[in-house]
Amino acid sequence: PRSVDDPPVGGLAFPPQTIGFAMASIGVIGVLLQFLLYPKVNARYGLMRCFRASLFLFPPAYFLAPMVSLLPSASLAPDPASGFFIWLGIAAVVFLQVAARTFALPASIILLNNSSPHPSVLGTIHGLGQGVSATFRTLGPIAAGWWFGVGLERGSVGFAWTIVSAISVFGCVVSWWVKNGNGHEILLPGEDGPQD
């Protein structure tokens, strides 16, 4: 068990309103990227390039997140961290994560649509995709919370972040086996082939 004499282990000691501001900033950045940047970049470089490139933004975002607490702060602990370098670090990590998410999520949905062998099973494919997504959105925070607890017991706030970063590296590697289908891979009896 930790005592009050133990040194603090990471964190920025932000009050709820500052956390709320940071979360709102994530939303604003995400909306701007989604509407202003994503369509142009996707049109220029294509779905698969954008998908894979976005996945490569997740590992550094997750790895660097706990490092923000190591940046020089204008205030001393136990006061909340503040100053230019803290907010620059937060902005950089948030930008990486939001840019990755902005490109990865729409591309994943499009790839899921295009993986359907026939339009008649598109609903089933979507249902399975949503089920798997919901399962991992449920299990992910549980696992990350447990990893975070284990890390705190060992005096390392970055433990959970390092694991999540490693998992995202695995996702980058696996992405090279992802193929973009056309959503109509098979023809049922009586259907005509694609028109040239």
N, C-alpha and C. Protein backbone atom coordinates (compact mmCIF):
# COMPACT_ATOMS: atom_id res chain seq x y z
N PRO A 1 0.83 -1.21 0.00
CA PRO A 1 0.00 0.00 0.00
C PRO A 1 0.86 1.26 0.00
N ARG A 2 0.34 2.29 -0.67
CA ARG A 2 1.07 3.55 -0.76
C ARG A 2 0.76 4.40 0.47
N SER A 3 1.71 5.14 0.93
CA SER A 3 1.50 6.04 2.07
C SER A 3 1.53 7.48 1.58
N VAL A 4 1.16 8.39 2.45
CA VAL A 4 1.16 9.81 2.07
C VAL A 4 2.58 10.33 1.85
N ASP A 5 3.57 9.58 2.32
CA ASP A 5 4.95 10.00 2.13
C ASP A 5 5.53 9.60 0.78
N ASP A 6 4.80 8.73 0.04
CA ASP A 6 5.29 8.29 -1.27
C ASP A 6 5.29 9.46 -2.23
N PRO A 7 6.28 9.53 -3.12
CA PRO A 7 6.29 10.61 -4.11
C PRO A 7 5.13 10.42 -5.09
N PRO A 8 4.62 11.52 -5.66
CA PRO A 8 3.54 11.40 -6.64
C PRO A 8 4.02 10.66 -7.88
N VAL A 9 3.10 9.98 -8.53
CA VAL A 9 3.45 9.21 -9.73
C VAL A 9 2.73 9.82 -10.92
N GLY A 10 3.38 10.73 -11.61
CA GLY A 10 2.87 11.29 -12.86
C GLY A 10 1.58 12.07 -12.70
N GLY A 11 0.99 12.42 -13.83
CA GLY A 11 -0.26 13.16 -13.84
C GLY A 11 -0.03 14.65 -13.87
N LEU A 12 -1.07 15.37 -14.25
CA LEU A 12 -0.98 16.83 -14.37
C LEU A 12 -1.78 17.54 -13.29
N ALA A 13 -2.54 16.79 -12.48
CA ALA A 13 -3.35 17.34 -11.38
C ALA A 13 -4.35 18.38 -11.87
N PHE A 14 -4.89 18.19 -13.07
CA PHE A 14 -5.86 19.13 -13.61
C PHE A 14 -7.19 19.04 -12.86
N PRO A 15 -7.81 20.20 -12.62
CA PRO A 15 -9.17 20.18 -12.07
C PRO A 15 -10.16 19.79 -13.16
N PRO A 16 -11.39 19.41 -12.78
CA PRO A 16 -12.38 18.96 -13.79
C PRO A 16 -12.62 19.95 -14.92
N GLN A 17 -12.64 21.25 -14.63
CA GLN A 17 -12.92 22.22 -15.70
C GLN A 17 -11.80 22.25 -16.74
N THR A 18 -10.57 22.03 -16.33
CA THR A 18 -9.46 22.00 -17.28
C THR A 18 -9.52 20.73 -18.12
N ILE A 19 -9.87 19.63 -17.50
CA ILE A 19 -10.06 18.37 -18.24
C ILE A 19 -11.19 18.54 -19.24
N GLY A 20 -12.27 19.20 -18.81
CA GLY A 20 -13.39 19.46 -19.72
C GLY A 20 -12.98 20.31 -20.91
N PHE A 21 -12.15 21.32 -20.66
CA PHE A 21 -11.65 22.17 -21.74
C PHE A 21 -10.83 21.34 -22.73
N ALA A 22 -9.95 20.48 -22.20
CA ALA A 22 -9.12 19.64 -23.07
C ALA A 22 -10.00 18.69 -23.88
N MET A 23 -11.03 18.11 -23.26
CA MET A 23 -11.93 17.20 -23.98
C MET A 23 -12.72 17.94 -25.06
N ALA A 24 -13.17 19.16 -24.75
CA ALA A 24 -13.89 19.96 -25.74
C ALA A 24 -12.97 20.30 -26.91
N SER A 25 -11.71 20.57 -26.61
CA SER A 25 -10.73 20.86 -27.67
C SER A 25 -10.58 19.66 -28.61
N ILE A 26 -10.57 18.46 -28.04
CA ILE A 26 -10.49 17.25 -28.85
C ILE A 26 -11.66 17.20 -29.83
N GLY A 27 -12.85 17.51 -29.33
CA GLY A 27 -14.04 17.50 -30.18
C GLY A 27 -13.96 18.51 -31.30
N VAL A 28 -13.53 19.73 -30.99
CA VAL A 28 -13.42 20.78 -32.00
C VAL A 28 -12.40 20.40 -33.06
N ILE A 29 -11.24 19.93 -32.62
CA ILE A 29 -10.20 19.51 -33.57
C ILE A 29 -10.73 18.38 -34.46
N GLY A 30 -11.42 17.42 -33.86
CA GLY A 30 -11.96 16.29 -34.62
C GLY A 30 -12.95 16.72 -35.68
N VAL A 31 -13.87 17.62 -35.32
CA VAL A 31 -14.87 18.10 -36.28
C VAL A 31 -14.18 18.83 -37.43
N LEU A 32 -13.24 19.70 -37.09
CA LEU A 32 -12.54 20.46 -38.14
C LEU A 32 -11.78 19.52 -39.09
N LEU A 33 -11.07 18.56 -38.53
CA LEU A 33 -10.33 17.61 -39.38
C LEU A 33 -11.28 16.78 -40.23
N GLN A 34 -12.40 16.33 -39.63
CA GLN A 34 -13.34 15.48 -40.34
C GLN A 34 -13.94 16.18 -41.55
N PHE A 35 -14.28 17.46 -41.39
CA PHE A 35 -14.95 18.17 -42.48
C PHE A 35 -14.01 18.91 -43.43
N LEU A 36 -12.88 19.37 -42.92
CA LEU A 36 -12.00 20.17 -43.76
C LEU A 36 -10.84 19.39 -44.37
N LEU A 37 -10.29 18.44 -43.63
CA LEU A 37 -9.08 17.76 -44.10
C LEU A 37 -9.36 16.39 -44.70
N TYR A 38 -10.17 15.60 -44.02
CA TYR A 38 -10.37 14.21 -44.44
C TYR A 38 -10.82 14.06 -45.90
N PRO A 39 -11.85 14.78 -46.35
CA PRO A 39 -12.29 14.58 -47.74
C PRO A 39 -11.19 14.86 -48.78
N LYS A 40 -10.43 15.91 -48.55
CA LYS A 40 -9.38 16.28 -49.51
C LYS A 40 -8.24 15.26 -49.52
N VAL A 41 -7.80 14.87 -48.34
CA VAL A 41 -6.69 13.92 -48.25
C VAL A 41 -7.10 12.55 -48.77
N ASN A 42 -8.31 12.11 -48.42
CA ASN A 42 -8.79 10.81 -48.88
C ASN A 42 -8.95 10.80 -50.40
N ALA A 43 -9.43 11.91 -50.98
CA ALA A 43 -9.59 11.99 -52.43
C ALA A 43 -8.23 11.96 -53.13
N ARG A 44 -7.24 12.58 -52.53
CA ARG A 44 -5.93 12.65 -53.15
C ARG A 44 -5.13 11.36 -53.04
N TYR A 45 -5.13 10.75 -51.84
CA TYR A 45 -4.25 9.61 -51.59
C TYR A 45 -4.96 8.26 -51.58
N GLY A 46 -6.26 8.26 -51.49
CA GLY A 46 -7.01 7.01 -51.53
C GLY A 46 -7.25 6.42 -50.15
N LEU A 47 -8.23 5.54 -50.11
CA LEU A 47 -8.70 4.96 -48.86
C LEU A 47 -7.62 4.17 -48.13
N MET A 48 -6.94 3.26 -48.81
CA MET A 48 -6.00 2.38 -48.14
C MET A 48 -4.77 3.14 -47.62
N ARG A 49 -4.28 4.10 -48.37
CA ARG A 49 -3.13 4.88 -47.90
C ARG A 49 -3.51 5.70 -46.66
N CYS A 50 -4.68 6.32 -46.71
CA CYS A 50 -5.12 7.11 -45.56
C CYS A 50 -5.35 6.22 -44.34
N PHE A 51 -5.97 5.06 -44.56
CA PHE A 51 -6.23 4.12 -43.47
C PHE A 51 -4.92 3.70 -42.80
N ARG A 52 -3.98 3.23 -43.60
CA ARG A 52 -2.72 2.75 -43.03
C ARG A 52 -1.92 3.89 -42.39
N ALA A 53 -1.86 5.03 -43.06
CA ALA A 53 -1.10 6.16 -42.50
C ALA A 53 -1.70 6.59 -41.16
N SER A 54 -3.01 6.59 -41.07
CA SER A 54 -3.64 7.00 -39.81
C SER A 54 -3.32 6.04 -38.68
N LEU A 55 -3.23 4.76 -38.99
CA LEU A 55 -2.91 3.78 -37.96
C LEU A 55 -1.51 4.03 -37.38
N PHE A 56 -0.61 4.54 -38.19
CA PHE A 56 0.75 4.80 -37.71
C PHE A 56 0.84 6.03 -36.80
N LEU A 57 -0.25 6.79 -36.68
CA LEU A 57 -0.27 7.92 -35.75
C LEU A 57 -0.64 7.48 -34.33
N PHE A 58 -1.35 6.34 -34.20
CA PHE A 58 -1.77 5.89 -32.88
C PHE A 58 -0.61 5.53 -31.95
N PRO A 59 0.39 4.73 -32.39
CA PRO A 59 1.46 4.36 -31.44
C PRO A 59 2.17 5.55 -30.81
N PRO A 60 2.61 6.55 -31.60
CA PRO A 60 3.27 7.68 -30.92
C PRO A 60 2.32 8.47 -30.03
N ALA A 61 1.04 8.58 -30.43
CA ALA A 61 0.09 9.31 -29.59
C ALA A 61 -0.05 8.65 -28.23
N TYR A 62 -0.20 7.33 -28.21
CA TYR A 62 -0.36 6.62 -26.95
C TYR A 62 0.95 6.59 -26.15
N PHE A 63 2.06 6.44 -26.84
CA PHE A 63 3.34 6.38 -26.14
C PHE A 63 3.70 7.73 -25.51
N LEU A 64 3.40 8.81 -26.21
CA LEU A 64 3.77 10.15 -25.74
C LEU A 64 2.81 10.73 -24.70
N ALA A 65 1.59 10.20 -24.62
CA ALA A 65 0.59 10.76 -23.70
C ALA A 65 1.10 10.91 -22.27
N PRO A 66 1.67 9.87 -21.67
CA PRO A 66 2.12 10.07 -20.28
C PRO A 66 3.37 10.94 -20.16
N MET A 67 4.05 11.15 -21.27
CA MET A 67 5.28 11.96 -21.23
C MET A 67 4.99 13.45 -21.03
N VAL A 68 3.75 13.86 -21.27
CA VAL A 68 3.39 15.27 -21.09
C VAL A 68 3.65 15.70 -19.65
N SER A 69 3.47 14.78 -18.71
CA SER A 69 3.70 15.13 -17.29
C SER A 69 5.18 15.39 -16.99
N LEU A 70 6.06 15.03 -17.91
CA LEU A 70 7.49 15.26 -17.71
C LEU A 70 7.95 16.61 -18.25
N LEU A 71 7.06 17.29 -18.98
CA LEU A 71 7.42 18.59 -19.56
C LEU A 71 7.52 19.65 -18.47
N PRO A 72 8.33 20.69 -18.69
CA PRO A 72 8.44 21.75 -17.69
C PRO A 72 7.11 22.48 -17.51
N SER A 73 6.74 22.67 -16.25
CA SER A 73 5.49 23.33 -15.90
C SER A 73 5.79 24.68 -15.26
N ALA A 74 4.89 25.64 -15.50
CA ALA A 74 5.03 26.97 -14.88
C ALA A 74 4.67 26.93 -13.40
N SER A 75 4.03 25.84 -12.96
CA SER A 75 3.66 25.72 -11.55
C SER A 75 4.30 24.46 -10.97
N LEU A 76 4.51 24.47 -9.68
CA LEU A 76 5.11 23.33 -9.00
C LEU A 76 4.03 22.44 -8.41
N ALA A 77 4.34 21.14 -8.29
CA ALA A 77 3.43 20.20 -7.67
C ALA A 77 3.27 20.59 -6.20
N PRO A 78 2.12 20.43 -5.64
CA PRO A 78 0.96 19.68 -6.08
C PRO A 78 -0.04 20.50 -6.89
N ASP A 79 0.29 21.75 -7.21
CA ASP A 79 -0.62 22.56 -8.04
C ASP A 79 -0.74 21.95 -9.42
N PRO A 80 -1.86 22.20 -10.11
CA PRO A 80 -2.02 21.68 -11.47
C PRO A 80 -0.91 22.18 -12.40
N ALA A 81 -0.47 21.31 -13.30
CA ALA A 81 0.54 21.69 -14.29
C ALA A 81 -0.02 22.81 -15.16
N SER A 82 0.86 23.69 -15.62
CA SER A 82 0.42 24.80 -16.46
C SER A 82 1.60 25.29 -17.29
N GLY A 83 1.30 26.17 -18.21
CA GLY A 83 2.34 26.80 -19.00
C GLY A 83 2.38 26.34 -20.44
N PHE A 84 3.21 27.03 -21.19
CA PHE A 84 3.31 26.82 -22.63
C PHE A 84 3.67 25.39 -23.00
N PHE A 85 4.70 24.83 -22.38
CA PHE A 85 5.18 23.51 -22.77
C PHE A 85 4.16 22.41 -22.45
N ILE A 86 3.45 22.56 -21.34
CA ILE A 86 2.42 21.58 -20.99
C ILE A 86 1.33 21.58 -22.06
N TRP A 87 0.84 22.76 -22.41
CA TRP A 87 -0.25 22.83 -23.40
C TRP A 87 0.23 22.49 -24.80
N LEU A 88 1.49 22.78 -25.10
CA LEU A 88 2.05 22.35 -26.39
C LEU A 88 2.09 20.82 -26.45
N GLY A 89 2.52 20.18 -25.39
CA GLY A 89 2.55 18.72 -25.33
C GLY A 89 1.17 18.12 -25.44
N ILE A 90 0.20 18.69 -24.72
CA ILE A 90 -1.18 18.21 -24.80
C ILE A 90 -1.70 18.36 -26.22
N ALA A 91 -1.45 19.53 -26.83
CA ALA A 91 -1.93 19.78 -28.19
C ALA A 91 -1.33 18.78 -29.18
N ALA A 92 -0.04 18.49 -29.03
CA ALA A 92 0.62 17.55 -29.96
C ALA A 92 0.04 16.15 -29.82
N VAL A 93 -0.12 15.69 -28.59
CA VAL A 93 -0.67 14.34 -28.37
C VAL A 93 -2.12 14.27 -28.84
N VAL A 94 -2.89 15.29 -28.52
CA VAL A 94 -4.30 15.31 -28.92
C VAL A 94 -4.41 15.35 -30.44
N PHE A 95 -3.58 16.16 -31.09
CA PHE A 95 -3.62 16.24 -32.55
C PHE A 95 -3.31 14.88 -33.18
N LEU A 96 -2.28 14.20 -32.69
CA LEU A 96 -1.95 12.87 -33.22
C LEU A 96 -3.12 11.90 -33.07
N GLN A 97 -3.69 11.88 -31.87
CA GLN A 97 -4.77 10.93 -31.59
C GLN A 97 -6.01 11.26 -32.41
N VAL A 98 -6.38 12.52 -32.45
CA VAL A 98 -7.59 12.91 -33.18
C VAL A 98 -7.38 12.75 -34.69
N ALA A 99 -6.22 13.10 -35.20
CA ALA A 99 -5.95 12.90 -36.63
C ALA A 99 -6.01 11.42 -36.98
N ALA A 100 -5.44 10.58 -36.13
CA ALA A 100 -5.48 9.13 -36.37
C ALA A 100 -6.92 8.65 -36.39
N ARG A 101 -7.68 9.05 -35.40
CA ARG A 101 -9.08 8.61 -35.29
C ARG A 101 -9.93 9.15 -36.45
N THR A 102 -9.67 10.39 -36.84
CA THR A 102 -10.45 11.02 -37.91
C THR A 102 -10.32 10.26 -39.22
N PHE A 103 -9.13 9.72 -39.49
CA PHE A 103 -8.92 8.99 -40.74
C PHE A 103 -9.22 7.50 -40.58
N ALA A 104 -8.94 6.93 -39.43
CA ALA A 104 -9.11 5.48 -39.25
C ALA A 104 -10.57 5.06 -39.16
N LEU A 105 -11.39 5.81 -38.45
CA LEU A 105 -12.78 5.37 -38.25
C LEU A 105 -13.61 5.39 -39.54
N PRO A 106 -13.64 6.47 -40.30
CA PRO A 106 -14.41 6.42 -41.55
C PRO A 106 -13.86 5.36 -42.52
N ALA A 107 -12.55 5.23 -42.58
CA ALA A 107 -11.96 4.23 -43.46
C ALA A 107 -12.35 2.83 -43.02
N SER A 108 -12.40 2.58 -41.72
CA SER A 108 -12.80 1.27 -41.21
C SER A 108 -14.23 0.94 -41.61
N ILE A 109 -15.12 1.92 -41.52
CA ILE A 109 -16.52 1.70 -41.90
C ILE A 109 -16.63 1.42 -43.39
N ILE A 110 -15.90 2.17 -44.19
CA ILE A 110 -15.93 1.94 -45.65
C ILE A 110 -15.36 0.57 -45.98
N LEU A 111 -14.25 0.20 -45.34
CA LEU A 111 -13.66 -1.13 -45.58
C LEU A 111 -14.61 -2.23 -45.14
N LEU A 112 -15.32 -2.01 -44.04
CA LEU A 112 -16.31 -2.99 -43.59
C LEU A 112 -17.42 -3.13 -44.62
N ASN A 113 -17.94 -2.02 -45.13
CA ASN A 113 -18.94 -2.07 -46.21
C ASN A 113 -18.42 -2.84 -47.41
N ASN A 114 -17.21 -2.52 -47.80
CA ASN A 114 -16.64 -3.13 -49.00
C ASN A 114 -16.24 -4.59 -48.81
N SER A 115 -16.19 -5.05 -47.56
CA SER A 115 -15.84 -6.45 -47.31
C SER A 115 -17.03 -7.39 -47.49
N SER A 116 -18.21 -6.83 -47.59
CA SER A 116 -19.41 -7.66 -47.74
C SER A 116 -19.35 -8.39 -49.08
N PRO A 117 -19.54 -9.72 -49.06
CA PRO A 117 -19.47 -10.45 -50.32
C PRO A 117 -20.67 -10.17 -51.23
N HIS A 118 -21.77 -9.70 -50.65
CA HIS A 118 -22.98 -9.42 -51.43
C HIS A 118 -23.83 -8.41 -50.66
N PRO A 119 -24.50 -7.50 -51.35
CA PRO A 119 -25.34 -6.51 -50.65
C PRO A 119 -26.41 -7.14 -49.75
N SER A 120 -26.83 -8.34 -50.05
CA SER A 120 -27.87 -8.98 -49.25
C SER A 120 -27.40 -9.32 -47.83
N VAL A 121 -26.11 -9.38 -47.60
CA VAL A 121 -25.60 -9.69 -46.26
C VAL A 121 -24.91 -8.49 -45.61
N LEU A 122 -25.09 -7.31 -46.20
CA LEU A 122 -24.46 -6.11 -45.66
C LEU A 122 -24.92 -5.83 -44.23
N GLY A 123 -26.19 -6.01 -43.96
CA GLY A 123 -26.72 -5.80 -42.61
C GLY A 123 -26.07 -6.73 -41.60
N THR A 124 -25.87 -7.99 -42.01
CA THR A 124 -25.22 -8.96 -41.12
C THR A 124 -23.77 -8.55 -40.86
N ILE A 125 -23.09 -8.13 -41.92
CA ILE A 125 -21.70 -7.68 -41.77
C ILE A 125 -21.63 -6.48 -40.83
N HIS A 126 -22.54 -5.52 -41.02
CA HIS A 126 -22.55 -4.35 -40.13
C HIS A 126 -22.85 -4.75 -38.69
N GLY A 127 -23.81 -5.65 -38.51
CA GLY A 127 -24.15 -6.10 -37.16
C GLY A 127 -22.97 -6.76 -36.47
N LEU A 128 -22.26 -7.63 -37.20
CA LEU A 128 -21.07 -8.27 -36.63
C LEU A 128 -19.99 -7.23 -36.32
N GLY A 129 -19.78 -6.30 -37.24
CA GLY A 129 -18.78 -5.26 -37.03
C GLY A 129 -19.10 -4.40 -35.81
N GLN A 130 -20.37 -4.01 -35.68
CA GLN A 130 -20.77 -3.20 -34.53
C GLN A 130 -20.65 -4.00 -33.23
N GLY A 131 -20.99 -5.29 -33.29
CA GLY A 131 -20.87 -6.14 -32.11
C GLY A 131 -19.43 -6.28 -31.65
N VAL A 132 -18.54 -6.51 -32.58
CA VAL A 132 -17.11 -6.63 -32.24
C VAL A 132 -16.59 -5.30 -31.71
N SER A 133 -16.98 -4.21 -32.35
CA SER A 133 -16.55 -2.88 -31.92
C SER A 133 -17.05 -2.59 -30.50
N ALA A 134 -18.32 -2.87 -30.23
CA ALA A 134 -18.88 -2.62 -28.90
C ALA A 134 -18.20 -3.49 -27.84
N THR A 135 -17.89 -4.72 -28.20
CA THR A 135 -17.20 -5.62 -27.26
C THR A 135 -15.85 -5.05 -26.86
N PHE A 136 -15.10 -4.59 -27.84
CA PHE A 136 -13.77 -4.06 -27.51
C PHE A 136 -13.83 -2.68 -26.87
N ARG A 137 -14.89 -1.89 -27.16
CA ARG A 137 -15.05 -0.62 -26.45
C ARG A 137 -15.42 -0.87 -24.99
N THR A 138 -15.99 -2.04 -24.71
CA THR A 138 -16.29 -2.42 -23.33
C THR A 138 -15.06 -3.00 -22.64
N LEU A 139 -14.38 -3.91 -23.31
CA LEU A 139 -13.23 -4.58 -22.70
C LEU A 139 -11.99 -3.69 -22.62
N GLY A 140 -11.83 -2.79 -23.59
CA GLY A 140 -10.64 -1.93 -23.63
C GLY A 140 -10.44 -1.11 -22.36
N PRO A 141 -11.45 -0.37 -21.92
CA PRO A 141 -11.25 0.41 -20.68
C PRO A 141 -11.03 -0.47 -19.45
N ILE A 142 -11.65 -1.63 -19.42
CA ILE A 142 -11.43 -2.54 -18.28
C ILE A 142 -9.97 -2.98 -18.26
N ALA A 143 -9.47 -3.42 -19.40
CA ALA A 143 -8.08 -3.87 -19.48
C ALA A 143 -7.12 -2.71 -19.20
N ALA A 144 -7.38 -1.56 -19.82
CA ALA A 144 -6.49 -0.41 -19.63
C ALA A 144 -6.50 0.05 -18.17
N GLY A 145 -7.66 0.02 -17.53
CA GLY A 145 -7.74 0.38 -16.12
C GLY A 145 -6.94 -0.57 -15.25
N TRP A 146 -7.01 -1.84 -15.57
CA TRP A 146 -6.24 -2.83 -14.81
C TRP A 146 -4.75 -2.61 -15.03
N TRP A 147 -4.34 -2.39 -16.31
CA TRP A 147 -2.94 -2.13 -16.61
C TRP A 147 -2.46 -0.87 -15.89
N PHE A 148 -3.33 0.15 -15.86
CA PHE A 148 -2.98 1.40 -15.20
C PHE A 148 -2.74 1.15 -13.71
N GLY A 149 -3.63 0.35 -13.09
CA GLY A 149 -3.46 0.00 -11.68
C GLY A 149 -2.17 -0.75 -11.42
N VAL A 150 -1.87 -1.71 -12.29
CA VAL A 150 -0.62 -2.46 -12.16
C VAL A 150 0.57 -1.49 -12.30
N GLY A 151 0.48 -0.58 -13.25
CA GLY A 151 1.55 0.40 -13.45
C GLY A 151 1.73 1.29 -12.22
N LEU A 152 0.63 1.74 -11.63
CA LEU A 152 0.73 2.58 -10.44
C LEU A 152 1.38 1.83 -9.29
N GLU A 153 1.04 0.54 -9.14
CA GLU A 153 1.66 -0.27 -8.09
C GLU A 153 3.17 -0.36 -8.29
N ARG A 154 3.59 -0.31 -9.55
CA ARG A 154 5.02 -0.40 -9.86
C ARG A 154 5.67 0.98 -9.98
N GLY A 155 4.88 2.04 -9.79
CA GLY A 155 5.41 3.39 -9.89
C GLY A 155 5.56 3.90 -11.30
N SER A 156 4.77 3.36 -12.24
CA SER A 156 4.88 3.76 -13.64
C SER A 156 3.52 4.09 -14.23
N VAL A 157 3.24 5.38 -14.41
CA VAL A 157 2.00 5.80 -15.04
C VAL A 157 1.97 5.35 -16.51
N GLY A 158 3.14 5.27 -17.12
CA GLY A 158 3.23 4.96 -18.55
C GLY A 158 3.04 3.49 -18.89
N PHE A 159 2.93 2.61 -17.91
CA PHE A 159 2.83 1.17 -18.16
C PHE A 159 1.65 0.85 -19.08
N ALA A 160 0.45 1.32 -18.72
CA ALA A 160 -0.74 1.04 -19.54
C ALA A 160 -0.61 1.67 -20.92
N TRP A 161 -0.07 2.88 -20.97
CA TRP A 161 0.09 3.57 -22.25
C TRP A 161 1.05 2.82 -23.17
N THR A 162 2.08 2.23 -22.60
CA THR A 162 3.05 1.46 -23.39
C THR A 162 2.39 0.21 -23.97
N ILE A 163 1.55 -0.45 -23.18
CA ILE A 163 0.84 -1.64 -23.67
C ILE A 163 -0.11 -1.25 -24.81
N VAL A 164 -0.87 -0.18 -24.61
CA VAL A 164 -1.81 0.25 -25.65
C VAL A 164 -1.04 0.66 -26.91
N SER A 165 0.10 1.30 -26.74
CA SER A 165 0.93 1.67 -27.88
C SER A 165 1.41 0.42 -28.62
N ALA A 166 1.83 -0.60 -27.88
CA ALA A 166 2.27 -1.86 -28.51
C ALA A 166 1.14 -2.54 -29.26
N ILE A 167 -0.06 -2.51 -28.70
CA ILE A 167 -1.22 -3.09 -29.39
C ILE A 167 -1.50 -2.33 -30.68
N SER A 168 -1.33 -1.01 -30.64
CA SER A 168 -1.57 -0.24 -31.86
C SER A 168 -0.48 -0.48 -32.91
N VAL A 169 0.74 -0.80 -32.47
CA VAL A 169 1.79 -1.20 -33.42
C VAL A 169 1.37 -2.50 -34.11
N PHE A 170 0.82 -3.43 -33.34
CA PHE A 170 0.31 -4.68 -33.91
C PHE A 170 -0.76 -4.39 -34.96
N GLY A 171 -1.64 -3.42 -34.67
CA GLY A 171 -2.66 -3.03 -35.65
C GLY A 171 -2.06 -2.48 -36.93
N CYS A 172 -0.97 -1.74 -36.81
CA CYS A 172 -0.27 -1.22 -38.00
C CYS A 172 0.26 -2.36 -38.85
N VAL A 173 0.85 -3.35 -38.21
CA VAL A 173 1.40 -4.49 -38.94
C VAL A 173 0.29 -5.27 -39.64
N VAL A 174 -0.78 -5.54 -38.91
CA VAL A 174 -1.90 -6.32 -39.46
C VAL A 174 -2.57 -5.59 -40.62
N SER A 175 -2.52 -4.26 -40.61
CA SER A 175 -3.19 -3.49 -41.67
C SER A 175 -2.67 -3.81 -43.06
N TRP A 176 -1.46 -4.33 -43.16
CA TRP A 176 -0.91 -4.66 -44.48
C TRP A 176 -1.60 -5.87 -45.10
N TRP A 177 -2.39 -6.61 -44.33
CA TRP A 177 -3.16 -7.74 -44.87
C TRP A 177 -4.61 -7.35 -45.12
N VAL A 178 -4.99 -6.12 -44.81
CA VAL A 178 -6.35 -5.66 -45.06
C VAL A 178 -6.48 -5.31 -46.53
N LYS A 179 -7.53 -5.83 -47.15
CA LYS A 179 -7.79 -5.56 -48.58
C LYS A 179 -9.11 -4.80 -48.72
N ASN A 180 -9.18 -3.96 -49.70
CA ASN A 180 -10.40 -3.22 -49.99
C ASN A 180 -11.19 -3.97 -51.06
N GLY A 181 -12.35 -4.48 -50.67
CA GLY A 181 -13.20 -5.19 -51.62
C GLY A 181 -14.08 -4.22 -52.39
N ASN A 182 -15.09 -4.77 -53.06
CA ASN A 182 -16.02 -3.90 -53.78
C ASN A 182 -17.44 -4.01 -53.25
N GLY A 183 -17.65 -4.81 -52.20
CA GLY A 183 -18.97 -4.94 -51.61
C GLY A 183 -19.91 -5.84 -52.38
N HIS A 184 -19.41 -6.44 -53.45
CA HIS A 184 -20.25 -7.33 -54.27
C HIS A 184 -19.33 -8.37 -54.90
N GLU A 185 -18.74 -9.18 -54.06
CA GLU A 185 -17.72 -10.14 -54.51
C GLU A 185 -18.32 -11.35 -55.21
N ILE A 186 -19.56 -11.67 -54.89
CA ILE A 186 -20.20 -12.85 -55.51
C ILE A 186 -21.47 -12.43 -56.22
N LEU A 187 -21.89 -13.24 -57.17
CA LEU A 187 -23.16 -13.03 -57.88
C LEU A 187 -24.10 -14.17 -57.53
N LEU A 188 -25.32 -13.82 -57.22
CA LEU A 188 -26.34 -14.83 -56.96
C LEU A 188 -26.97 -15.24 -58.28
N PRO A 189 -27.60 -16.41 -58.33
CA PRO A 189 -28.25 -16.82 -59.59
C PRO A 189 -29.23 -15.76 -60.07
N GLY A 190 -29.12 -15.42 -61.35
CA GLY A 190 -29.99 -14.42 -61.97
C GLY A 190 -29.43 -13.02 -61.96
N GLU A 191 -28.31 -12.80 -61.29
CA GLU A 191 -27.71 -11.47 -61.28
C GLU A 191 -26.74 -11.32 -62.44
N ASP A 192 -26.70 -10.12 -62.98
CA ASP A 192 -25.74 -9.83 -64.04
C ASP A 192 -24.41 -9.39 -63.43
N GLY A 193 -23.33 -9.61 -64.16
CA GLY A 193 -22.01 -9.17 -63.72
C GLY A 193 -21.89 -7.66 -63.77
N PRO A 194 -20.80 -7.12 -63.28
CA PRO A 194 -20.62 -5.66 -63.31
C PRO A 194 -20.59 -5.14 -64.73
N GLN A 195 -21.20 -3.99 -64.90
CA GLN A 195 -21.24 -3.35 -66.21
C GLN A 195 -19.94 -2.60 -66.44
N ASP A 196 -19.30 -2.79 -67.59
CA ASP A 196 -18.06 -2.08 -67.92
C ASP A 196 -18.35 -0.78 -68.58
